[in-house]
Amino acid sequence: VLYKQYDATPDNKEPVAHPGGPYTGVQFEPVQFDATRSYDPEGIDLEYRWTLGDESVPTSNVAPSHTYTICGLMNVSLVVVETEGTARSSERAWTTANIACASK
């Protein structure tokens, strides 16, 4: 007799990252990012993993504020990860932050 384990939970779908943007700002002034449109199809809470394009320490807030000390076009990415269960993660989603140089 063969027994097959039955999993009553549906397949866990990967969450979806929405980093917003594109963003604009000025060097030495805060830029507000917003990932509130990110979601998990099963409604599992998410952890946010931002990379802000300037070699700063990554941040984990849903809507972080960041002050750039350099100017130029920054490639910003976001990955969201489920906080429970299998902890699936999203594909990396990209946007930009165009930071103007501060006036002298």
Protein backbone atom coordinates (compact mmCIF):
# COMPACT_ATOMS: atom_id res chain seq x y z
CA VAL A 1 0.00 0.00 0.00
CA LEU A 2 1.34 3.41 -0.99
CA TYR A 3 0.41 6.49 0.94
CA LYS A 4 0.60 9.96 -0.44
CA GLN A 5 0.83 12.92 1.90
CA TYR A 6 -1.95 15.39 1.18
CA ASP A 7 -1.27 19.09 1.61
CA ALA A 8 -4.55 20.91 2.26
CA THR A 9 -2.98 24.35 1.79
CA PRO A 10 -2.97 25.83 -1.71
CA ASP A 11 0.30 26.54 -3.46
CA ASN A 12 1.95 29.56 -1.91
CA LYS A 13 2.26 32.23 -4.60
CA GLU A 14 5.18 34.63 -4.52
CA PRO A 15 4.54 38.18 -3.29
CA VAL A 16 4.63 41.15 -5.65
CA ALA A 17 6.98 44.12 -5.13
CA HIS A 18 5.88 47.60 -6.26
CA PRO A 19 8.62 50.15 -5.53
CA GLY A 20 6.67 53.11 -6.90
CA GLY A 21 8.50 55.89 -8.69
CA PRO A 22 10.29 57.02 -10.62
CA TYR A 23 11.40 59.41 -7.90
CA THR A 24 13.10 62.80 -8.05
CA GLY A 25 14.94 64.79 -5.43
CA VAL A 26 17.80 67.10 -4.61
CA GLN A 27 21.14 66.15 -3.09
CA PHE A 28 21.16 66.54 0.74
CA GLU A 29 17.33 66.63 0.90
CA PRO A 30 15.22 63.58 1.86
CA VAL A 31 13.44 61.55 -0.83
CA GLN A 32 10.33 59.62 0.26
CA PHE A 33 9.93 56.13 -1.23
CA ASP A 34 6.68 54.14 -1.11
CA ALA A 35 6.09 50.39 -1.48
CA THR A 36 2.55 50.31 -0.09
CA ARG A 37 1.25 48.84 -3.36
CA SER A 38 3.35 45.69 -2.75
CA TYR A 39 1.27 42.69 -1.72
CA ASP A 40 1.12 38.99 -1.03
CA PRO A 41 -1.67 37.06 -2.85
CA GLU A 42 -2.44 35.08 0.33
CA GLY A 43 -2.39 38.19 2.55
CA ILE A 44 0.78 37.24 4.45
CA ASP A 45 2.63 40.18 6.06
CA LEU A 46 5.71 41.33 4.16
CA GLU A 47 9.25 42.40 4.96
CA TYR A 48 10.68 45.07 2.64
CA ARG A 49 14.28 45.05 1.35
CA TRP A 50 15.24 48.26 -0.43
CA THR A 51 18.56 48.95 -2.15
CA LEU A 52 18.76 52.68 -2.83
CA GLY A 53 21.54 52.83 -5.43
CA ASP A 54 24.18 54.80 -3.54
CA GLU A 55 25.92 52.06 -1.54
CA SER A 56 24.05 53.13 1.61
CA VAL A 57 22.90 50.50 4.10
CA PRO A 58 19.76 48.78 2.73
CA THR A 59 16.55 49.67 4.53
CA SER A 60 13.53 47.57 5.48
CA ASN A 61 10.70 50.11 5.88
CA VAL A 62 7.62 50.06 3.65
CA ALA A 63 8.03 53.79 2.92
CA PRO A 64 11.58 54.85 3.81
CA SER A 65 12.98 58.35 3.55
CA HIS A 66 16.56 58.63 2.32
CA THR A 67 18.95 61.56 1.90
CA TYR A 68 21.47 61.18 -0.92
CA THR A 69 24.90 62.79 -0.53
CA ILE A 70 25.65 62.30 -4.23
CA CYS A 71 23.68 63.40 -7.27
CA GLY A 72 22.74 61.57 -10.46
CA LEU A 73 20.41 58.79 -11.56
CA MET A 74 20.13 56.06 -8.90
CA ASN A 75 18.91 52.54 -9.66
CA VAL A 76 16.59 51.63 -6.79
CA SER A 77 15.38 48.08 -6.17
CA LEU A 78 12.90 46.40 -3.88
CA VAL A 79 12.36 42.78 -2.86
CA VAL A 80 9.49 41.80 -0.56
CA VAL A 81 9.59 38.64 1.56
CA GLU A 82 6.78 36.85 3.38
CA THR A 83 7.22 36.96 7.15
CA GLU A 84 5.78 33.50 7.83
CA GLY A 85 5.31 30.09 6.27
CA THR A 86 7.72 29.32 3.46
CA ALA A 87 8.91 32.96 3.40
CA ARG A 88 8.78 33.25 -0.37
CA SER A 89 10.31 36.35 -1.89
CA SER A 90 9.31 38.45 -4.87
CA GLU A 91 11.26 39.08 -8.02
CA ARG A 92 13.47 42.16 -7.67
CA ALA A 93 11.52 45.22 -8.90
CA TRP A 94 13.35 48.32 -10.18
CA THR A 95 12.72 52.05 -10.34
CA THR A 96 14.94 55.14 -10.39
CA ALA A 97 15.66 58.17 -8.26
CA ASN A 98 16.94 61.14 -10.25
CA ILE A 99 18.85 63.30 -7.76
CA ALA A 100 19.76 66.83 -8.84
CA CYS A 101 22.98 68.35 -7.54
CA ALA A 102 22.45 70.89 -4.76
CA SER A 103 23.03 74.55 -5.61
CA LYS A 104 26.30 76.01 -4.40
